[in-house]
Amino acid sequence: MLTLARMWRTSTTGDFITKDAAATWAANQMPDQEAGTLIHAREAYLGKVRDDWGNRQSASERTATFLRQRVLELL
């Protein structure tokens, strides 16, 4: 998800930024539920929360699909 967030950010602005910064930017452009999932991914990436997706599979799939669609719209 973080890579997709960075792809969306780069495609939108032309700027290259870190994955965690891109996740913050993307979360501000997303519906709350998907944004929350992306923020969890960012926090796991930064080592702030446990990286466990066992009970978040559906949410992660929805979030990845949302991000993928945003990237494809810009290609």
PDB file of N, CA and C in Angstrom:
ATOM      1  N   MET A   1       0.803  -1.180   0.000  1.00  0.00           N
ATOM      2  CA  MET A   1       0.000   0.000   0.000  1.00  0.00           C
ATOM      3  C   MET A   1       0.860   1.263   0.000  1.00  0.00           C
ATOM      4  N   LEU A   2       1.956   1.221   0.728  1.00  0.00           N
ATOM      5  CA  LEU A   2       2.808   2.411   0.790  1.00  0.00           C
ATOM      6  C   LEU A   2       3.410   2.732  -0.572  1.00  0.00           C
ATOM      7  N   THR A   3       3.767   1.709  -1.310  1.00  0.00           N
ATOM      8  CA  THR A   3       4.294   1.934  -2.657  1.00  0.00           C
ATOM      9  C   THR A   3       3.222   2.536  -3.553  1.00  0.00           C
ATOM     10  N   LEU A   4       1.999   2.037  -3.449  1.00  0.00           N
ATOM     11  CA  LEU A   4       0.905   2.608  -4.233  1.00  0.00           C
ATOM     12  C   LEU A   4       0.646   4.061  -3.840  1.00  0.00           C
ATOM     13  N   ALA A   5       0.718   4.350  -2.553  1.00  0.00           N
ATOM     14  CA  ALA A   5       0.537   5.736  -2.098  1.00  0.00           C
ATOM     15  C   ALA A   5       1.618   6.630  -2.692  1.00  0.00           C
ATOM     16  N   ARG A   6       2.836   6.130  -2.707  1.00  0.00           N
ATOM     17  CA  ARG A   6       3.927   6.938  -3.266  1.00  0.00           C
ATOM     18  C   ARG A   6       3.772   7.097  -4.778  1.00  0.00           C
ATOM     19  N   MET A   7       3.320   6.057  -5.452  1.00  0.00           N
ATOM     20  CA  MET A   7       3.076   6.160  -6.894  1.00  0.00           C
ATOM     21  C   MET A   7       1.997   7.203  -7.183  1.00  0.00           C
ATOM     22  N   TRP A   8       0.945   7.213  -6.389  1.00  0.00           N
ATOM     23  CA  TRP A   8      -0.136   8.183  -6.560  1.00  0.00           C
ATOM     24  C   TRP A   8       0.388   9.600  -6.351  1.00  0.00           C
ATOM     25  N   ARG A   9       1.128   9.783  -5.277  1.00  0.00           N
ATOM     26  CA  ARG A   9       1.685  11.110  -4.968  1.00  0.00           C
ATOM     27  C   ARG A   9       2.619  11.582  -6.093  1.00  0.00           C
ATOM     28  N   THR A  10       3.516  10.702  -6.531  1.00  0.00           N
ATOM     29  CA  THR A  10       4.469  11.066  -7.578  1.00  0.00           C
ATOM     30  C   THR A  10       3.746  11.372  -8.886  1.00  0.00           C
ATOM     31  N   SER A  11       2.738  10.563  -9.222  1.00  0.00           N
ATOM     32  CA  SER A  11       1.981  10.792 -10.455  1.00  0.00           C
ATOM     33  C   SER A  11       1.199  12.099 -10.403  1.00  0.00           C
ATOM     34  N   THR A  12       0.781  12.487  -9.217  1.00  0.00           N
ATOM     35  CA  THR A  12      -0.006  13.706  -9.051  1.00  0.00           C
ATOM     36  C   THR A  12       0.861  14.957  -9.055  1.00  0.00           C
ATOM     37  N   THR A  13       2.001  14.899  -8.381  1.00  0.00           N
ATOM     38  CA  THR A  13       2.800  16.110  -8.167  1.00  0.00           C
ATOM     39  C   THR A  13       4.123  16.133  -8.913  1.00  0.00           C
ATOM     40  N   GLY A  14       4.615  14.956  -9.299  1.00  0.00           N
ATOM     41  CA  GLY A  14       5.930  14.872  -9.919  1.00  0.00           C
ATOM     42  C   GLY A  14       7.065  14.838  -8.915  1.00  0.00           C
ATOM     43  N   ASP A  15       6.738  14.965  -7.638  1.00  0.00           N
ATOM     44  CA  ASP A  15       7.750  14.943  -6.576  1.00  0.00           C
ATOM     45  C   ASP A  15       7.952  13.528  -6.046  1.00  0.00           C
ATOM     46  N   PHE A  16       9.178  13.210  -5.662  1.00  0.00           N
ATOM     47  CA  PHE A  16       9.493  11.947  -5.008  1.00  0.00           C
ATOM     48  C   PHE A  16       9.653  12.212  -3.519  1.00  0.00           C
ATOM     49  N   ILE A  17       8.893  11.481  -2.709  1.00  0.00           N
ATOM     50  CA  ILE A  17       8.992  11.613  -1.258  1.00  0.00           C
ATOM     51  C   ILE A  17       9.031  10.223  -0.642  1.00  0.00           C
ATOM     52  N   THR A  18       9.270  10.156   0.649  1.00  0.00           N
ATOM     53  CA  THR A  18       9.339   8.867   1.333  1.00  0.00           C
ATOM     54  C   THR A  18       7.971   8.194   1.350  1.00  0.00           C
ATOM     55  N   LYS A  19       7.992   6.885   1.556  1.00  0.00           N
ATOM     56  CA  LYS A  19       6.739   6.139   1.617  1.00  0.00           C
ATOM     57  C   LYS A  19       5.852   6.630   2.749  1.00  0.00           C
ATOM     58  N   ASP A  20       6.436   6.867   3.913  1.00  0.00           N
ATOM     59  CA  ASP A  20       5.602   7.295   5.036  1.00  0.00           C
ATOM     60  C   ASP A  20       5.017   8.684   4.791  1.00  0.00           C
ATOM     61  N   ALA A  21       5.767   9.571   4.184  1.00  0.00           N
ATOM     62  CA  ALA A  21       5.234  10.899   3.852  1.00  0.00           C
ATOM     63  C   ALA A  21       4.139  10.791   2.791  1.00  0.00           C
ATOM     64  N   ALA A  22       4.332   9.919   1.822  1.00  0.00           N
ATOM     65  CA  ALA A  22       3.314   9.714   0.788  1.00  0.00           C
ATOM     66  C   ALA A  22       2.042   9.136   1.394  1.00  0.00           C
ATOM     67  N   ALA A  23       2.185   8.249   2.355  1.00  0.00           N
ATOM     68  CA  ALA A  23       1.012   7.677   3.021  1.00  0.00           C
ATOM     69  C   ALA A  23       0.232   8.760   3.757  1.00  0.00           C
ATOM     70  N   THR A  24       0.934   9.660   4.404  1.00  0.00           N
ATOM     71  CA  THR A  24       0.270  10.771   5.092  1.00  0.00           C
ATOM     72  C   THR A  24      -0.482  11.636   4.088  1.00  0.00           C
ATOM     73  N   TRP A  25       0.164  11.969   2.982  1.00  0.00           N
ATOM     74  CA  TRP A  25      -0.473  12.767   1.939  1.00  0.00           C
ATOM     75  C   TRP A  25      -1.709  12.048   1.398  1.00  0.00           C
ATOM     76  N   ALA A  26      -1.554  10.771   1.048  1.00  0.00           N
ATOM     77  CA  ALA A  26      -2.651  10.009   0.450  1.00  0.00           C
ATOM     78  C   ALA A  26      -3.823   9.869   1.416  1.00  0.00           C
ATOM     79  N   ALA A  27      -3.530   9.620   2.678  1.00  0.00           N
ATOM     80  CA  ALA A  27      -4.599   9.447   3.664  1.00  0.00           C
ATOM     81  C   ALA A  27      -5.493  10.678   3.731  1.00  0.00           C
ATOM     82  N   ASN A  28      -4.927  11.836   3.510  1.00  0.00           N
ATOM     83  CA  ASN A  28      -5.717  13.071   3.527  1.00  0.00           C
ATOM     84  C   ASN A  28      -6.608  13.226   2.300  1.00  0.00           C
ATOM     85  N   GLN A  29      -6.415  12.374   1.290  1.00  0.00           N
ATOM     86  CA  GLN A  29      -7.208  12.426   0.060  1.00  0.00           C
ATOM     87  C   GLN A  29      -8.231  11.287  -0.010  1.00  0.00           C
ATOM     88  N   MET A  30      -8.286  10.442   1.014  1.00  0.00           N
ATOM     89  CA  MET A  30      -9.039   9.190   0.959  1.00  0.00           C
ATOM     90  C   MET A  30     -10.231   9.197   1.905  1.00  0.00           C
ATOM     91  N   PRO A  31     -11.212   8.311   1.642  1.00  0.00           N
ATOM     92  CA  PRO A  31     -12.284   8.103   2.617  1.00  0.00           C
ATOM     93  C   PRO A  31     -11.689   7.608   3.944  1.00  0.00           C
ATOM     94  N   ASP A  32     -12.373   7.895   5.033  1.00  0.00           N
ATOM     95  CA  ASP A  32     -11.841   7.600   6.366  1.00  0.00           C
ATOM     96  C   ASP A  32     -11.430   6.147   6.572  1.00  0.00           C
ATOM     97  N   GLN A  33     -12.256   5.203   6.137  1.00  0.00           N
ATOM     98  CA  GLN A  33     -11.947   3.789   6.375  1.00  0.00           C
ATOM     99  C   GLN A  33     -10.648   3.381   5.684  1.00  0.00           C
ATOM    100  N   GLU A  34     -10.516   3.715   4.421  1.00  0.00           N
ATOM    101  CA  GLU A  34      -9.302   3.377   3.689  1.00  0.00           C
ATOM    102  C   GLU A  34      -8.103   4.144   4.237  1.00  0.00           C
ATOM    103  N   ALA A  35      -8.318   5.390   4.608  1.00  0.00           N
ATOM    104  CA  ALA A  35      -7.232   6.191   5.189  1.00  0.00           C
ATOM    105  C   ALA A  35      -6.723   5.555   6.473  1.00  0.00           C
ATOM    106  N   GLY A  36      -7.625   5.062   7.298  1.00  0.00           N
ATOM    107  CA  GLY A  36      -7.220   4.411   8.544  1.00  0.00           C
ATOM    108  C   GLY A  36      -6.358   3.184   8.300  1.00  0.00           C
ATOM    109  N   THR A  37      -6.702   2.427   7.282  1.00  0.00           N
ATOM    110  CA  THR A  37      -5.907   1.247   6.942  1.00  0.00           C
ATOM    111  C   THR A  37      -4.527   1.658   6.451  1.00  0.00           C
ATOM    112  N   LEU A  38      -4.471   2.678   5.635  1.00  0.00           N
ATOM    113  CA  LEU A  38      -3.183   3.159   5.137  1.00  0.00           C
ATOM    114  C   LEU A  38      -2.330   3.715   6.277  1.00  0.00           C
ATOM    115  N   ILE A  39      -2.940   4.424   7.205  1.00  0.00           N
ATOM    116  CA  ILE A  39      -2.199   4.959   8.352  1.00  0.00           C
ATOM    117  C   ILE A  39      -1.656   3.810   9.198  1.00  0.00           C
ATOM    118  N   HIS A  40      -2.430   2.744   9.348  1.00  0.00           N
ATOM    119  CA  HIS A  40      -1.927   1.575  10.078  1.00  0.00           C
ATOM    120  C   HIS A  40      -0.698   1.002   9.366  1.00  0.00           C
ATOM    121  N   ALA A  41      -0.760   0.918   8.043  1.00  0.00           N
ATOM    122  CA  ALA A  41       0.391   0.417   7.276  1.00  0.00           C
ATOM    123  C   ALA A  41       1.604   1.316   7.480  1.00  0.00           C
ATOM    124  N   ARG A  42       1.377   2.617   7.472  1.00  0.00           N
ATOM    125  CA  ARG A  42       2.476   3.562   7.707  1.00  0.00           C
ATOM    126  C   ARG A  42       3.070   3.378   9.098  1.00  0.00           C
ATOM    127  N   GLU A  43       2.220   3.248  10.096  1.00  0.00           N
ATOM    128  CA  GLU A  43       2.698   3.083  11.468  1.00  0.00           C
ATOM    129  C   GLU A  43       3.458   1.763  11.633  1.00  0.00           C
ATOM    130  N   ALA A  44       3.011   0.711  10.952  1.00  0.00           N
ATOM    131  CA  ALA A  44       3.732  -0.568  10.990  1.00  0.00           C
ATOM    132  C   ALA A  44       5.091  -0.427  10.311  1.00  0.00           C
ATOM    133  N   TYR A  45       5.130   0.249   9.197  1.00  0.00           N
ATOM    134  CA  TYR A  45       6.376   0.503   8.467  1.00  0.00           C
ATOM    135  C   TYR A  45       7.376   1.246   9.342  1.00  0.00           C
ATOM    136  N   LEU A  46       6.883   2.178  10.130  1.00  0.00           N
ATOM    137  CA  LEU A  46       7.744   2.969  11.015  1.00  0.00           C
ATOM    138  C   LEU A  46       8.060   2.257  12.330  1.00  0.00           C
ATOM    139  N   GLY A  47       7.500   1.062  12.517  1.00  0.00           N
ATOM    140  CA  GLY A  47       7.765   0.294  13.730  1.00  0.00           C
ATOM    141  C   GLY A  47       6.982   0.755  14.945  1.00  0.00           C
ATOM    142  N   LYS A  48       5.923   1.492  14.726  1.00  0.00           N
ATOM    143  CA  LYS A  48       5.143   2.035  15.839  1.00  0.00           C
ATOM    144  C   LYS A  48       4.012   1.117  16.285  1.00  0.00           C
ATOM    145  N   VAL A  49       3.573   0.226  15.393  1.00  0.00           N
ATOM    146  CA  VAL A  49       2.547  -0.758  15.732  1.00  0.00           C
ATOM    147  C   VAL A  49       2.984  -2.108  15.189  1.00  0.00           C
ATOM    148  N   ARG A  50       2.375  -3.143  15.706  1.00  0.00           N
ATOM    149  CA  ARG A  50       2.677  -4.503  15.249  1.00  0.00           C
ATOM    150  C   ARG A  50       2.179  -4.670  13.813  1.00  0.00           C
ATOM    151  N   ASP A  51       3.004  -5.239  12.982  1.00  0.00           N
ATOM    152  CA  ASP A  51       2.686  -5.439  11.564  1.00  0.00           C
ATOM    153  C   ASP A  51       1.916  -6.744  11.399  1.00  0.00           C
ATOM    154  N   ASP A  52       0.648  -6.727  11.800  1.00  0.00           N
ATOM    155  CA  ASP A  52      -0.205  -7.916  11.767  1.00  0.00           C
ATOM    156  C   ASP A  52      -1.466  -7.583  10.976  1.00  0.00           C
ATOM    157  N   TRP A  53      -1.650  -8.268   9.868  1.00  0.00           N
ATOM    158  CA  TRP A  53      -2.782  -7.993   8.994  1.00  0.00           C
ATOM    159  C   TRP A  53      -3.822  -9.108   9.007  1.00  0.00           C
ATOM    160  N   GLY A  54      -3.714 -10.027   9.963  1.00  0.00           N
ATOM    161  CA  GLY A  54      -4.620 -11.168  10.027  1.00  0.00           C
ATOM    162  C   GLY A  54      -6.091 -10.793  10.039  1.00  0.00           C
ATOM    163  N   ASN A  55      -6.443  -9.772  10.792  1.00  0.00           N
ATOM    164  CA  ASN A  55      -7.849  -9.370  10.869  1.00  0.00           C
ATOM    165  C   ASN A  55      -8.146  -8.133  10.014  1.00  0.00           C
ATOM    166  N   ARG A  56      -7.232  -7.785   9.145  1.00  0.00           N
ATOM    167  CA  ARG A  56      -7.408  -6.597   8.296  1.00  0.00           C
ATOM    168  C   ARG A  56      -7.313  -6.923   6.804  1.00  0.00           C
ATOM    169  N   GLN A  57      -7.477  -8.178   6.457  1.00  0.00           N
ATOM    170  CA  GLN A  57      -7.296  -8.565   5.060  1.00  0.00           C
ATOM    171  C   GLN A  57      -8.272  -7.847   4.128  1.00  0.00           C
ATOM    172  N   SER A  58      -9.547  -7.835   4.463  1.00  0.00           N
ATOM    173  CA  SER A  58     -10.534  -7.169   3.597  1.00  0.00           C
ATOM    174  C   SER A  58     -10.261  -5.677   3.492  1.00  0.00           C
ATOM    175  N   ALA A  59      -9.938  -5.061   4.616  1.00  0.00           N
ATOM    176  CA  ALA A  59      -9.650  -3.620   4.618  1.00  0.00           C
ATOM    177  C   ALA A  59      -8.415  -3.313   3.789  1.00  0.00           C
ATOM    178  N   SER A  60      -7.406  -4.167   3.885  1.00  0.00           N
ATOM    179  CA  SER A  60      -6.186  -3.911   3.116  1.00  0.00           C
ATOM    180  C   SER A  60      -6.442  -4.082   1.621  1.00  0.00           C
ATOM    181  N   GLU A  61      -7.275  -5.045   1.259  1.00  0.00           N
ATOM    182  CA  GLU A  61      -7.617  -5.227  -0.154  1.00  0.00           C
ATOM    183  C   GLU A  61      -8.397  -4.025  -0.689  1.00  0.00           C
ATOM    184  N   ARG A  62      -9.354  -3.521   0.086  1.00  0.00           N
ATOM    185  CA  ARG A  62     -10.118  -2.337  -0.333  1.00  0.00           C
ATOM    186  C   ARG A  62      -9.208  -1.125  -0.493  1.00  0.00           C
ATOM    187  N   THR A  63      -8.301  -0.967   0.446  1.00  0.00           N
ATOM    188  CA  THR A  63      -7.399   0.182   0.404  1.00  0.00           C
ATOM    189  C   THR A  63      -6.454   0.087  -0.782  1.00  0.00           C
ATOM    190  N   ALA A  64      -5.899  -1.087  -1.008  1.00  0.00           N
ATOM    191  CA  ALA A  64      -5.002  -1.275  -2.153  1.00  0.00           C
ATOM    192  C   ALA A  64      -5.744  -1.033  -3.465  1.00  0.00           C
ATOM    193  N   THR A  65      -6.981  -1.493  -3.555  1.00  0.00           N
ATOM    194  CA  THR A  65      -7.780  -1.270  -4.758  1.00  0.00           C
ATOM    195  C   THR A  65      -8.038   0.217  -4.968  1.00  0.00           C
ATOM    196  N   PHE A  66      -8.385   0.925  -3.898  1.00  0.00           N
ATOM    197  CA  PHE A  66      -8.606   2.369  -3.991  1.00  0.00           C
ATOM    198  C   PHE A  66      -7.356   3.069  -4.509  1.00  0.00           C
ATOM    199  N   LEU A  67      -6.205   2.748  -3.926  1.00  0.00           N
ATOM    200  CA  LEU A  67      -4.946   3.380  -4.332  1.00  0.00           C
ATOM    201  C   LEU A  67      -4.596   3.035  -5.775  1.00  0.00           C
ATOM    202  N   ARG A  68      -4.769   1.784  -6.130  1.00  0.00           N
ATOM    203  CA  ARG A  68      -4.480   1.341  -7.500  1.00  0.00           C
ATOM    204  C   ARG A  68      -5.321   2.122  -8.503  1.00  0.00           C
ATOM    205  N   GLN A  69      -6.600   2.309  -8.196  1.00  0.00           N
ATOM    206  CA  GLN A  69      -7.482   3.053  -9.098  1.00  0.00           C
ATOM    207  C   GLN A  69      -7.024   4.499  -9.257  1.00  0.00           C
ATOM    208  N   ARG A  70      -6.577   5.107  -8.184  1.00  0.00           N
ATOM    209  CA  ARG A  70      -6.091   6.492  -8.274  1.00  0.00           C
ATOM    210  C   ARG A  70      -4.870   6.569  -9.189  1.00  0.00           C
ATOM    211  N   VAL A  71      -3.971   5.605  -9.072  1.00  0.00           N
ATOM    212  CA  VAL A  71      -2.775   5.593  -9.922  1.00  0.00           C
ATOM    213  C   VAL A  71      -3.169   5.389 -11.383  1.00  0.00           C
ATOM    214  N   LEU A  72      -4.040   4.424 -11.636  1.00  0.00           N
ATOM    215  CA  LEU A  72      -4.441   4.138 -13.018  1.00  0.00           C
ATOM    216  C   LEU A  72      -5.132   5.330 -13.671  1.00  0.00           C
ATOM    217  N   GLU A  73      -5.879   6.107 -12.890  1.00  0.00           N
ATOM    218  CA  GLU A  73      -6.541   7.296 -13.437  1.00  0.00           C
ATOM    219  C   GLU A  73      -5.537   8.317 -13.976  1.00  0.00           C
ATOM    220  N   LEU A  74      -4.336   8.286 -13.451  1.00  0.00           N
ATOM    221  CA  LEU A  74      -3.327   9.282 -13.825  1.00  0.00           C
ATOM    222  C   LEU A  74      -2.378   8.810 -14.923  1.00  0.00           C
ATOM    223  N   LEU A  75      -2.517   7.575 -15.340  1.00  0.00           N
ATOM    224  CA  LEU A  75      -1.632   7.050 -16.395  1.00  0.00           C
ATOM    225  C   LEU A  75      -2.163   7.378 -17.777  1.00  0.00           C
TER     226      LEU A  75
END
